Amino acid sequence: MAAVTRGRRPWGSLLGLLGLVSAAAASWDLTSLRCNFGDFCECDFRPDFPGLECDLAQHLAGQHLARALVVKTLKAFVRDPAPSKPLVLSLHGWTGTGKSYLSSLLARYLFKGGLRSPRVHHFSPIIHFPHPSLMDRYKKDLKSWVQGNLTACGRSLFLFDEMDKLPPGLMEVLRPFLGPSWVVYGTNYRKAIFIFISNTGGEQINQVALEAWRSRREREEIGLQELEPVIARAVLDNPHHGFWRSGIVEERLLDALVPFLPLQRHHVRHCVLNELAQLGLEPRDEVVQAVLDATPFFPEDEQLFSSNGCKTVASRLAFFL
């Protein structure tokens, strides 16, 4: 009897897997049908994973960890017909390493209208929350804005930029939206995606990358297990970060802390060549070298990592052209 039971387990697992796939396919077919015969909020949601992976491979220089983690997590979330909670990603790293670029690609390859889609909502502290004295008003407005948009369509993307500049305490109003049980008026908010972007943890990530280089370890050998704890500590210890005393980190509402490694000289060169290609120009060695020579690197002795990543490549390239 035991042998028969063991023999049936693979079939049970296979049937369970087929059931999940069938459920996801049925859900997607129903969405397509509703889109063909009328307006439906999820009609704008059109994930293109091959396009996303190709673009990331070609243009996101030096970020093997971020690329693999985001794609794997995102695929599992989107293909789940009934996720248990919203997808919550927190992107961390030095300036110019690709955090905002990756976020824009996610919007582009998940929603038909990209960043202009009515289902994509981008928040900036300088634009939306400039005055700390208006904290109570900001809390009320943010909660109302998120709840209103999720009630209109649960399949929404919320981007929060420059978390290091947000007034402390503001993110507390988002905590109920990020967990597994937030359902209002029969609307399920568990299909939403929240992305938080900050430089917090960048110095700690840089230090890990520098120590790996000094130990003659390959960059690709750096693992998430080395970086996640130092990023979490950096966030919890930073009173200027938007998650300060919000409970979001402590309650493990973040699905992934996504590290962005500092960029080396050959990564910056890759960015220069990409920028030239987008301008429709042939690569010229003297121009590429001029941009690299004008880019500051650190530490002072090793001159290993770009101080501003690829952030100033376009402006420097325009100058030398």
C-alpha atoms as a PDB file:
ATOM      1  CA  MET A   1       0.000   0.000   0.000  1.00  0.00           C
ATOM      2  CA  ALA A   2       2.879   2.332   0.847  1.00  0.00           C
ATOM      3  CA  ALA A   3       4.456   1.666  -2.541  1.00  0.00           C
ATOM      4  CA  VAL A   4       1.184   2.450  -4.321  1.00  0.00           C
ATOM      5  CA  THR A   5       0.845   5.704  -2.367  1.00  0.00           C
ATOM      6  CA  ARG A   6       4.374   6.758  -3.265  1.00  0.00           C
ATOM      7  CA  GLY A   7       3.697   5.931  -6.868  1.00  0.00           C
ATOM      8  CA  ARG A   8       0.706   8.250  -6.937  1.00  0.00           C
ATOM      9  CA  ARG A   9       2.390  11.313  -5.487  1.00  0.00           C
ATOM     10  CA  PRO A  10       4.064  12.480  -8.718  1.00  0.00           C
ATOM     11  CA  TRP A  11       0.714  12.239 -10.503  1.00  0.00           C
ATOM     12  CA  GLY A  12      -0.918  14.257  -7.729  1.00  0.00           C
ATOM     13  CA  SER A  13       1.769  16.917  -7.948  1.00  0.00           C
ATOM     14  CA  LEU A  14       1.466  16.995 -11.732  1.00  0.00           C
ATOM     15  CA  LEU A  15      -2.313  17.294 -11.584  1.00  0.00           C
ATOM     16  CA  GLY A  16      -1.996  20.079  -9.029  1.00  0.00           C
ATOM     17  CA  LEU A  17       0.437  21.930 -11.286  1.00  0.00           C
ATOM     18  CA  LEU A  18      -1.806  21.443 -14.299  1.00  0.00           C
ATOM     19  CA  GLY A  19      -4.684  22.754 -12.248  1.00  0.00           C
ATOM     20  CA  LEU A  20      -2.804  25.963 -11.448  1.00  0.00           C
ATOM     21  CA  VAL A  21      -1.812  26.428 -15.089  1.00  0.00           C
ATOM     22  CA  SER A  22      -5.388  25.786 -16.225  1.00  0.00           C
ATOM     23  CA  ALA A  23      -6.744  28.253 -13.696  1.00  0.00           C
ATOM     24  CA  ALA A  24      -4.291  30.931 -14.830  1.00  0.00           C
ATOM     25  CA  ALA A  25      -5.116  30.256 -18.497  1.00  0.00           C
ATOM     26  CA  ALA A  26      -8.849  30.369 -17.804  1.00  0.00           C
ATOM     27  CA  SER A  27      -8.466  33.658 -15.931  1.00  0.00           C
ATOM     28  CA  TRP A  28      -6.464  35.137 -18.794  1.00  0.00           C
ATOM     29  CA  ASP A  29      -8.975  33.894 -21.418  1.00  0.00           C
ATOM     30  CA  LEU A  30     -11.814  35.479 -19.453  1.00  0.00           C
ATOM     31  CA  THR A  31      -9.913  38.777 -19.313  1.00  0.00           C
ATOM     32  CA  SER A  32      -9.264  38.663 -23.062  1.00  0.00           C
ATOM     33  CA  LEU A  33     -12.928  37.940 -23.732  1.00  0.00           C
ATOM     34  CA  ARG A  34     -14.054  40.865 -21.589  1.00  0.00           C
ATOM     35  CA  CYS A  35     -11.570  43.146 -23.339  1.00  0.00           C
ATOM     36  CA  ASN A  36     -12.927  42.140 -26.747  1.00  0.00           C
ATOM     37  CA  PHE A  37     -16.467  43.086 -25.814  1.00  0.00           C
ATOM     38  CA  GLY A  38     -15.955  46.164 -23.670  1.00  0.00           C
ATOM     39  CA  ASP A  39     -13.774  48.149 -21.347  1.00  0.00           C
ATOM     40  CA  PHE A  40     -12.194  46.284 -18.458  1.00  0.00           C
ATOM     41  CA  CYS A  41      -9.519  47.657 -16.151  1.00  0.00           C
ATOM     42  CA  GLU A  42      -7.135  44.747 -16.692  1.00  0.00           C
ATOM     43  CA  CYS A  43      -7.157  45.230 -20.476  1.00  0.00           C
ATOM     44  CA  ASP A  44      -4.160  47.537 -20.082  1.00  0.00           C
ATOM     45  CA  PHE A  45      -2.212  44.816 -18.270  1.00  0.00           C
ATOM     46  CA  ARG A  46      -0.232  42.923 -20.929  1.00  0.00           C
ATOM     47  CA  PRO A  47       2.926  41.311 -19.471  1.00  0.00           C
ATOM     48  CA  ASP A  48       5.707  40.790 -22.005  1.00  0.00           C
ATOM     49  CA  PHE A  49       8.362  38.779 -20.176  1.00  0.00           C
ATOM     50  CA  PRO A  50      10.482  37.907 -23.245  1.00  0.00           C
ATOM     51  CA  GLY A  51      10.697  41.605 -24.108  1.00  0.00           C
ATOM     52  CA  LEU A  52      11.519  42.536 -20.524  1.00  0.00           C
ATOM     53  CA  GLU A  53      14.250  39.903 -20.175  1.00  0.00           C
ATOM     54  CA  CYS A  54      15.794  40.867 -23.516  1.00  0.00           C
ATOM     55  CA  ASP A  55      15.842  44.573 -22.654  1.00  0.00           C
ATOM     56  CA  LEU A  56      17.308  43.917 -19.207  1.00  0.00           C
ATOM     57  CA  ALA A  57      20.021  41.661 -20.645  1.00  0.00           C
ATOM     58  CA  GLN A  58      21.001  44.268 -23.232  1.00  0.00           C
ATOM     59  CA  HIS A  59      20.771  47.480 -21.241  1.00  0.00           C
ATOM     60  CA  LEU A  60      20.923  46.885 -17.473  1.00  0.00           C
ATOM     61  CA  ALA A  61      24.671  46.728 -17.039  1.00  0.00           C
ATOM     62  CA  GLY A  62      26.296  44.870 -14.162  1.00  0.00           C
ATOM     63  CA  GLN A  63      23.168  43.862 -12.260  1.00  0.00           C
ATOM     64  CA  HIS A  64      22.945  40.082 -12.420  1.00  0.00           C
ATOM     65  CA  LEU A  65      21.362  39.863  -8.958  1.00  0.00           C
ATOM     66  CA  ALA A  66      18.677  42.496  -9.518  1.00  0.00           C
ATOM     67  CA  ARG A  67      17.813  41.172 -12.959  1.00  0.00           C
ATOM     68  CA  ALA A  68      17.402  37.546 -11.862  1.00  0.00           C
ATOM     69  CA  LEU A  69      15.555  38.351  -8.632  1.00  0.00           C
ATOM     70  CA  VAL A  70      13.053  40.767 -10.162  1.00  0.00           C
ATOM     71  CA  VAL A  71      12.220  38.592 -13.171  1.00  0.00           C
ATOM     72  CA  LYS A  72      11.798  35.426 -11.089  1.00  0.00           C
ATOM     73  CA  THR A  73       9.648  37.135  -8.446  1.00  0.00           C
ATOM     74  CA  LEU A  74       7.551  38.991 -11.003  1.00  0.00           C
ATOM     75  CA  LYS A  75       6.869  35.910 -13.127  1.00  0.00           C
ATOM     76  CA  ALA A  76       5.696  33.897 -10.121  1.00  0.00           C
ATOM     77  CA  PHE A  77       3.421  36.724  -8.998  1.00  0.00           C
ATOM     78  CA  VAL A  78       1.819  37.470 -12.376  1.00  0.00           C
ATOM     79  CA  ARG A  79       1.223  33.804 -13.177  1.00  0.00           C
ATOM     80  CA  ASP A  80      -0.553  33.198  -9.873  1.00  0.00           C
ATOM     81  CA  PRO A  81      -4.311  33.599 -10.556  1.00  0.00           C
ATOM     82  CA  ALA A  82      -4.967  34.284  -6.857  1.00  0.00           C
ATOM     83  CA  PRO A  83      -1.906  35.798  -5.127  1.00  0.00           C
ATOM     84  CA  SER A  84      -2.001  35.840  -1.328  1.00  0.00           C
ATOM     85  CA  LYS A  85      -0.729  39.441  -1.129  1.00  0.00           C
ATOM     86  CA  PRO A  86       0.449  42.293  -3.369  1.00  0.00           C
ATOM     87  CA  LEU A  87       3.965  42.114  -4.775  1.00  0.00           C
ATOM     88  CA  VAL A  88       6.205  44.509  -2.829  1.00  0.00           C
ATOM     89  CA  LEU A  89       9.760  45.173  -4.042  1.00  0.00           C
ATOM     90  CA  SER A  90      12.296  47.531  -2.486  1.00  0.00           C
ATOM     91  CA  LEU A  91      15.208  48.538  -4.755  1.00  0.00           C
ATOM     92  CA  HIS A  92      18.465  49.617  -3.115  1.00  0.00           C
ATOM     93  CA  GLY A  93      21.816  50.810  -4.409  1.00  0.00           C
ATOM     94  CA  TRP A  94      24.158  53.639  -5.286  1.00  0.00           C
ATOM     95  CA  THR A  95      23.031  56.438  -7.593  1.00  0.00           C
ATOM     96  CA  GLY A  96      23.039  55.659 -11.321  1.00  0.00           C
ATOM     97  CA  THR A  97      23.078  51.875 -10.961  1.00  0.00           C
ATOM     98  CA  GLY A  98      19.769  51.280 -12.776  1.00  0.00           C
ATOM     99  CA  LYS A  99      17.007  51.313 -10.142  1.00  0.00           C
ATOM    100  CA  SER A 100      14.791  53.859 -11.889  1.00  0.00           C
ATOM    101  CA  TYR A 101      15.606  52.380 -15.285  1.00  0.00           C
ATOM    102  CA  LEU A 102      14.486  48.917 -14.199  1.00  0.00           C
ATOM    103  CA  SER A 103      11.271  50.389 -12.750  1.00  0.00           C
ATOM    104  CA  SER A 104      10.479  52.136 -16.021  1.00  0.00           C
ATOM    105  CA  LEU A 105      11.040  48.876 -17.914  1.00  0.00           C
ATOM    106  CA  LEU A 106       8.620  47.061 -15.608  1.00  0.00           C
ATOM    107  CA  ALA A 107       5.944  49.651 -16.350  1.00  0.00           C
ATOM    108  CA  ARG A 108       6.684  49.424 -20.061  1.00  0.00           C
ATOM    109  CA  TYR A 109       6.518  45.637 -20.319  1.00  0.00           C
ATOM    110  CA  LEU A 110       3.636  45.077 -17.898  1.00  0.00           C
ATOM    111  CA  PHE A 111       1.207  47.769 -19.039  1.00  0.00           C
ATOM    112  CA  LYS A 112       0.205  48.702 -22.545  1.00  0.00           C
ATOM    113  CA  GLY A 113       0.675  52.415 -21.889  1.00  0.00           C
ATOM    114  CA  GLY A 114       3.907  52.054 -19.914  1.00  0.00           C
ATOM    115  CA  LEU A 115       4.512  54.909 -17.482  1.00  0.00           C
ATOM    116  CA  ARG A 116       1.589  56.763 -19.095  1.00  0.00           C
ATOM    117  CA  SER A 117      -0.873  53.993 -18.316  1.00  0.00           C
ATOM    118  CA  PRO A 118      -3.712  55.085 -16.003  1.00  0.00           C
ATOM    119  CA  ARG A 119      -2.851  52.012 -13.903  1.00  0.00           C
ATOM    120  CA  VAL A 120       0.738  53.167 -13.221  1.00  0.00           C
ATOM    121  CA  HIS A 121       1.159  55.698 -10.407  1.00  0.00           C
ATOM    122  CA  HIS A 122       4.501  57.402  -9.737  1.00  0.00           C
ATOM    123  CA  PHE A 123       5.167  59.287  -6.500  1.00  0.00           C
ATOM    124  CA  SER A 124       8.103  61.650  -5.907  1.00  0.00           C
ATOM    125  CA  PRO A 125       8.753  63.293  -2.503  1.00  0.00           C
ATOM    126  CA  ILE A 126       9.859  66.560  -4.103  1.00  0.00           C
ATOM    127  CA  ILE A 127       6.690  66.798  -6.202  1.00  0.00           C
ATOM    128  CA  HIS A 128       4.024  65.155  -4.057  1.00  0.00           C
ATOM    129  CA  PHE A 129       5.273  65.546  -0.460  1.00  0.00           C
ATOM    130  CA  PRO A 130       7.533  68.638  -0.354  1.00  0.00           C
ATOM    131  CA  HIS A 131       6.505  70.075   3.038  1.00  0.00           C
ATOM    132  CA  PRO A 132       7.000  67.965   6.216  1.00  0.00           C
ATOM    133  CA  SER A 133       4.660  70.310   8.090  1.00  0.00           C
ATOM    134  CA  LEU A 134       1.768  68.985   5.971  1.00  0.00           C
ATOM    135  CA  MET A 135       2.303  65.362   7.050  1.00  0.00           C
ATOM    136  CA  ASP A 136      -1.276  64.783   8.253  1.00  0.00           C
ATOM    137  CA  ARG A 137      -2.664  66.016   4.976  1.00  0.00           C
ATOM    138  CA  TYR A 138      -0.198  63.907   2.967  1.00  0.00           C
ATOM    139  CA  LYS A 139      -1.156  60.781   4.914  1.00  0.00           C
ATOM    140  CA  LYS A 140      -4.830  61.327   4.268  1.00  0.00           C
ATOM    141  CA  ASP A 141      -4.311  62.122   0.582  1.00  0.00           C
ATOM    142  CA  LEU A 142      -1.961  59.172  -0.017  1.00  0.00           C
ATOM    143  CA  LYS A 143      -4.279  56.662   1.615  1.00  0.00           C
ATOM    144  CA  SER A 144      -7.247  58.018  -0.327  1.00  0.00           C
ATOM    145  CA  TRP A 145      -5.310  58.031  -3.597  1.00  0.00           C
ATOM    146  CA  VAL A 146      -4.037  54.456  -3.277  1.00  0.00           C
ATOM    147  CA  GLN A 147      -7.362  53.090  -2.064  1.00  0.00           C
ATOM    148  CA  GLY A 148      -9.298  54.906  -4.790  1.00  0.00           C
ATOM    149  CA  ASN A 149      -7.070  53.652  -7.588  1.00  0.00           C
ATOM    150  CA  LEU A 150      -7.048  50.093  -6.262  1.00  0.00           C
ATOM    151  CA  THR A 151     -10.825  50.108  -5.973  1.00  0.00           C
ATOM    152  CA  ALA A 152     -10.976  51.208  -9.615  1.00  0.00           C
ATOM    153  CA  CYS A 153      -8.513  48.476 -10.644  1.00  0.00           C
ATOM    154  CA  GLY A 154      -6.639  46.016  -8.457  1.00  0.00           C
ATOM    155  CA  ARG A 155      -4.089  45.370 -11.203  1.00  0.00           C
ATOM    156  CA  SER A 156      -2.129  48.575 -10.598  1.00  0.00           C
ATOM    157  CA  LEU A 157       1.536  49.553 -10.225  1.00  0.00           C
ATOM    158  CA  PHE A 158       2.696  52.064  -7.603  1.00  0.00           C
ATOM    159  CA  LEU A 159       6.231  53.490  -7.823  1.00  0.00           C
ATOM    160  CA  PHE A 160       7.687  55.409  -4.875  1.00  0.00           C
ATOM    161  CA  ASP A 161      10.917  57.160  -5.780  1.00  0.00           C
ATOM    162  CA  GLU A 162      13.623  58.579  -3.472  1.00  0.00           C
ATOM    163  CA  MET A 163      12.445  56.878  -0.310  1.00  0.00           C
ATOM    164  CA  ASP A 164      15.372  58.534   1.487  1.00  0.00           C
ATOM    165  CA  LYS A 165      13.635  61.913   1.119  1.00  0.00           C
ATOM    166  CA  LEU A 166      10.121  60.944   2.234  1.00  0.00           C
ATOM    167  CA  PRO A 167       8.809  62.424   5.490  1.00  0.00           C
ATOM    168  CA  PRO A 168       9.148  59.792   8.264  1.00  0.00           C
ATOM    169  CA  GLY A 169       5.819  58.181   9.109  1.00  0.00           C
ATOM    170  CA  LEU A 170       4.162  58.712   5.733  1.00  0.00           C
ATOM    171  CA  MET A 171       4.537  55.107   4.594  1.00  0.00           C
ATOM    172  CA  GLU A 172       2.706  53.901   7.692  1.00  0.00           C
ATOM    173  CA  VAL A 173      -0.606  54.507   5.874  1.00  0.00           C
ATOM    174  CA  LEU A 174       0.414  51.981   3.202  1.00  0.00           C
ATOM    175  CA  ARG A 175       1.019  49.116   5.623  1.00  0.00           C
ATOM    176  CA  PRO A 176      -2.553  47.724   5.472  1.00  0.00           C
ATOM    177  CA  PHE A 177      -2.417  47.684   1.652  1.00  0.00           C
ATOM    178  CA  LEU A 178       0.764  45.583   1.535  1.00  0.00           C
ATOM    179  CA  GLY A 179      -0.419  42.591   3.565  1.00  0.00           C
ATOM    180  CA  PRO A 180      -2.556  39.581   2.681  1.00  0.00           C
ATOM    181  CA  SER A 181      -5.959  40.684   4.004  1.00  0.00           C
ATOM    182  CA  TRP A 182      -6.759  44.141   2.645  1.00  0.00           C
ATOM    183  CA  VAL A 183     -10.113  43.816   0.829  1.00  0.00           C
ATOM    184  CA  VAL A 184     -12.574  46.721   0.689  1.00  0.00           C
ATOM    185  CA  TYR A 185     -16.041  46.724  -0.841  1.00  0.00           C
ATOM    186  CA  GLY A 186     -15.431  43.303  -2.347  1.00  0.00           C
ATOM    187  CA  THR A 187     -12.349  44.479  -4.278  1.00  0.00           C
ATOM    188  CA  ASN A 188      -9.257  42.317  -4.014  1.00  0.00           C
ATOM    189  CA  TYR A 189      -6.085  44.429  -3.823  1.00  0.00           C
ATOM    190  CA  ARG A 190      -3.733  41.466  -3.870  1.00  0.00           C
ATOM    191  CA  LYS A 191      -2.891  41.831  -7.571  1.00  0.00           C
ATOM    192  CA  ALA A 192      -1.238  45.221  -7.094  1.00  0.00           C
ATOM    193  CA  ILE A 193       2.508  45.815  -7.377  1.00  0.00           C
ATOM    194  CA  PHE A 194       4.383  48.267  -5.144  1.00  0.00           C
ATOM    195  CA  ILE A 195       7.968  49.306  -5.910  1.00  0.00           C
ATOM    196  CA  PHE A 196      10.049  51.436  -3.530  1.00  0.00           C
ATOM    197  CA  ILE A 197      13.337  52.990  -4.686  1.00  0.00           C
ATOM    198  CA  SER A 198      16.128  54.349  -2.495  1.00  0.00           C
ATOM    199  CA  ASN A 199      19.878  54.841  -2.162  1.00  0.00           C
ATOM    200  CA  THR A 200      19.779  53.472   1.389  1.00  0.00           C
ATOM    201  CA  GLY A 201      22.065  50.467   1.673  1.00  0.00           C
ATOM    202  CA  GLY A 202      24.159  51.658  -1.254  1.00  0.00           C
ATOM    203  CA  GLU A 203      27.285  52.215   0.846  1.00  0.00           C
ATOM    204  CA  GLN A 204      26.922  48.799   2.466  1.00  0.00           C
ATOM    205  CA  ILE A 205      26.420  47.110  -0.924  1.00  0.00           C
ATOM    206  CA  ASN A 206      29.486  48.921  -2.258  1.00  0.00           C
ATOM    207  CA  GLN A 207      31.546  47.694   0.678  1.00  0.00           C
ATOM    208  CA  VAL A 208      30.529  44.077   0.086  1.00  0.00           C
ATOM    209  CA  ALA A 209      31.392  44.425  -3.612  1.00  0.00           C
ATOM    210  CA  LEU A 210      34.761  46.037  -2.773  1.00  0.00           C
ATOM    211  CA  GLU A 211      35.682  43.310  -0.297  1.00  0.00           C
ATOM    212  CA  ALA A 212      34.753  40.662  -2.861  1.00  0.00           C
ATOM    213  CA  TRP A 213      37.019  42.341  -5.442  1.00  0.00           C
ATOM    214  CA  ARG A 214      39.893  42.590  -2.975  1.00  0.00           C
ATOM    215  CA  SER A 215      39.429  38.898  -2.179  1.00  0.00           C
ATOM    216  CA  ARG A 216      39.631  38.143  -5.927  1.00  0.00           C
ATOM    217  CA  ARG A 217      36.099  36.821  -5.982  1.00  0.00           C
ATOM    218  CA  GLU A 218      34.116  37.157  -9.182  1.00  0.00           C
ATOM    219  CA  ARG A 219      31.359  39.762  -9.075  1.00  0.00           C
ATOM    220  CA  GLU A 220      28.793  37.101 -10.019  1.00  0.00           C
ATOM    221  CA  GLU A 221      29.749  35.137  -6.890  1.00  0.00           C
ATOM    222  CA  ILE A 222      28.187  37.799  -4.644  1.00  0.00           C
ATOM    223  CA  GLY A 223      24.923  36.346  -3.357  1.00  0.00           C
ATOM    224  CA  LEU A 224      21.700  37.725  -1.945  1.00  0.00           C
ATOM    225  CA  GLN A 225      22.451  36.100   1.413  1.00  0.00           C
ATOM    226  CA  GLU A 226      25.384  38.513   1.804  1.00  0.00           C
ATOM    227  CA  LEU A 227      23.458  41.640   0.877  1.00  0.00           C
ATOM    228  CA  GLU A 228      19.924  41.281   2.245  1.00  0.00           C
ATOM    229  CA  PRO A 229      20.907  41.515   5.956  1.00  0.00           C
ATOM    230  CA  VAL A 230      23.072  44.618   5.482  1.00  0.00           C
ATOM    231  CA  ILE A 231      20.369  46.340   3.422  1.00  0.00           C
ATOM    232  CA  ALA A 232      17.698  45.562   6.026  1.00  0.00           C
ATOM    233  CA  ARG A 233      19.888  46.953   8.805  1.00  0.00           C
ATOM    234  CA  ALA A 234      20.631  50.084   6.791  1.00  0.00           C
ATOM    235  CA  VAL A 235      16.906  50.717   6.296  1.00  0.00           C
ATOM    236  CA  LEU A 236      15.972  50.091   9.920  1.00  0.00           C
ATOM    237  CA  ASP A 237      18.808  52.336  11.179  1.00  0.00           C
ATOM    238  CA  ASN A 238      18.048  55.246   8.846  1.00  0.00           C
ATOM    239  CA  PRO A 239      15.624  57.784  10.408  1.00  0.00           C
ATOM    240  CA  HIS A 240      15.364  59.560   7.038  1.00  0.00           C
ATOM    241  CA  HIS A 241      14.084  56.523   5.136  1.00  0.00           C
ATOM    242  CA  GLY A 242      10.379  56.273   4.375  1.00  0.00           C
ATOM    243  CA  PHE A 243      10.134  52.890   6.149  1.00  0.00           C
ATOM    244  CA  TRP A 244      11.414  54.343   9.441  1.00  0.00           C
ATOM    245  CA  ARG A 245       9.201  52.946  12.225  1.00  0.00           C
ATOM    246  CA  SER A 246       6.478  52.020   9.747  1.00  0.00           C
ATOM    247  CA  GLY A 247       6.429  48.307  10.610  1.00  0.00           C
ATOM    248  CA  ILE A 248       6.722  47.415   6.925  1.00  0.00           C
ATOM    249  CA  VAL A 249      10.181  45.860   7.241  1.00  0.00           C
ATOM    250  CA  GLU A 250       9.625  44.331  10.686  1.00  0.00           C
ATOM    251  CA  GLU A 251       6.400  42.649   9.584  1.00  0.00           C
ATOM    252  CA  ARG A 252       8.162  41.227   6.516  1.00  0.00           C
ATOM    253  CA  LEU A 253       5.753  42.855   4.066  1.00  0.00           C
ATOM    254  CA  LEU A 254       8.582  43.308   1.553  1.00  0.00           C
ATOM    255  CA  ASP A 255       8.783  40.350  -0.822  1.00  0.00           C
ATOM    256  CA  ALA A 256      12.324  41.192  -1.893  1.00  0.00           C
ATOM    257  CA  LEU A 257      15.118  43.596  -1.057  1.00  0.00           C
ATOM    258  CA  VAL A 258      16.692  44.054  -4.490  1.00  0.00           C
ATOM    259  CA  PRO A 259      20.400  45.039  -4.415  1.00  0.00           C
ATOM    260  CA  PHE A 260      22.062  47.052  -7.181  1.00  0.00           C
ATOM    261  CA  LEU A 261      25.834  46.652  -7.259  1.00  0.00           C
ATOM    262  CA  PRO A 262      28.212  49.557  -7.975  1.00  0.00           C
ATOM    263  CA  LEU A 263      29.277  49.848 -11.606  1.00  0.00           C
ATOM    264  CA  GLN A 264      32.829  49.283 -12.790  1.00  0.00           C
ATOM    265  CA  ARG A 265      34.573  50.882 -15.748  1.00  0.00           C
ATOM    266  CA  HIS A 266      33.486  48.257 -18.280  1.00  0.00           C
ATOM    267  CA  HIS A 267      29.852  48.667 -17.162  1.00  0.00           C
ATOM    268  CA  VAL A 268      30.028  52.415 -17.754  1.00  0.00           C
ATOM    269  CA  ARG A 269      31.552  51.721 -21.161  1.00  0.00           C
ATOM    270  CA  HIS A 270      28.568  49.463 -21.881  1.00  0.00           C
ATOM    271  CA  CYS A 271      26.232  52.341 -20.977  1.00  0.00           C
ATOM    272  CA  VAL A 272      28.099  54.706 -23.308  1.00  0.00           C
ATOM    273  CA  LEU A 273      27.820  52.261 -26.210  1.00  0.00           C
ATOM    274  CA  ASN A 274      24.100  51.761 -25.506  1.00  0.00           C
ATOM    275  CA  GLU A 275      23.513  55.516 -25.482  1.00  0.00           C
ATOM    276  CA  LEU A 276      25.354  55.913 -28.800  1.00  0.00           C
ATOM    277  CA  ALA A 277      23.292  53.113 -30.326  1.00  0.00           C
ATOM    278  CA  GLN A 278      20.048  54.761 -29.185  1.00  0.00           C
ATOM    279  CA  LEU A 279      21.188  57.979 -30.830  1.00  0.00           C
ATOM    280  CA  GLY A 280      21.811  56.045 -34.031  1.00  0.00           C
ATOM    281  CA  LEU A 281      25.538  56.777 -33.910  1.00  0.00           C
ATOM    282  CA  GLU A 282      28.476  54.509 -34.578  1.00  0.00           C
ATOM    283  CA  PRO A 283      30.780  53.942 -31.572  1.00  0.00           C
ATOM    284  CA  ARG A 284      33.904  56.095 -31.706  1.00  0.00           C
ATOM    285  CA  ASP A 285      36.741  55.027 -29.450  1.00  0.00           C
ATOM    286  CA  GLU A 286      37.894  58.569 -28.725  1.00  0.00           C
ATOM    287  CA  VAL A 287      34.395  59.627 -27.614  1.00  0.00           C
ATOM    288  CA  VAL A 288      33.880  56.548 -25.437  1.00  0.00           C
ATOM    289  CA  GLN A 289      37.270  57.036 -23.821  1.00  0.00           C
ATOM    290  CA  ALA A 290      36.593  60.748 -23.227  1.00  0.00           C
ATOM    291  CA  VAL A 291      33.390  59.935 -21.339  1.00  0.00           C
ATOM    292  CA  LEU A 292      35.202  57.326 -19.231  1.00  0.00           C
ATOM    293  CA  ASP A 293      38.052  59.742 -18.468  1.00  0.00           C
ATOM    294  CA  ALA A 294      35.521  62.355 -17.297  1.00  0.00           C
ATOM    295  CA  THR A 295      33.738  59.894 -15.006  1.00  0.00           C
ATOM    296  CA  PRO A 296      34.903  59.883 -11.362  1.00  0.00           C
ATOM    297  CA  PHE A 297      35.682  56.526  -9.766  1.00  0.00           C
ATOM    298  CA  PHE A 298      36.255  55.384  -6.183  1.00  0.00           C
ATOM    299  CA  PRO A 299      37.918  54.341  -3.842  1.00  0.00           C
ATOM    300  CA  GLU A 300      40.751  56.777  -4.364  1.00  0.00           C
ATOM    301  CA  ASP A 301      43.433  54.086  -4.535  1.00  0.00           C
ATOM    302  CA  GLU A 302      41.666  51.436  -6.605  1.00  0.00           C
ATOM    303  CA  GLN A 303      39.504  53.698  -8.823  1.00  0.00           C
ATOM    304  CA  LEU A 304      37.161  50.729  -9.161  1.00  0.00           C
ATOM    305  CA  PHE A 305      33.531  51.918  -9.031  1.00  0.00           C
ATOM    306  CA  SER A 306      31.804  54.810 -10.791  1.00  0.00           C
ATOM    307  CA  SER A 307      30.765  57.517  -8.304  1.00  0.00           C
ATOM    308  CA  ASN A 308      27.531  58.199 -10.184  1.00  0.00           C
ATOM    309  CA  GLY A 309      27.051  54.962 -12.063  1.00  0.00           C
ATOM    310  CA  CYS A 310      25.727  55.644 -15.547  1.00  0.00           C
ATOM    311  CA  LYS A 311      23.612  58.600 -14.472  1.00  0.00           C
ATOM    312  CA  THR A 312      25.663  61.290 -16.229  1.00  0.00           C
ATOM    313  CA  VAL A 313      26.594  59.277 -19.324  1.00  0.00           C
ATOM    314  CA  ALA A 314      24.020  60.976 -21.577  1.00  0.00           C
ATOM    315  CA  SER A 315      25.000  64.519 -20.576  1.00  0.00           C
ATOM    316  CA  ARG A 316      28.743  63.818 -20.824  1.00  0.00           C
ATOM    317  CA  LEU A 317      28.251  62.133 -24.178  1.00  0.00           C
ATOM    318  CA  ALA A 318      26.344  65.135 -25.498  1.00  0.00           C
ATOM    319  CA  PHE A 319      29.227  67.387 -24.432  1.00  0.00           C
ATOM    320  CA  PHE A 320      31.926  65.335 -26.156  1.00  0.00           C
ATOM    321  CA  LEU A 321      29.874  64.802 -29.312  1.00  0.00           C
END
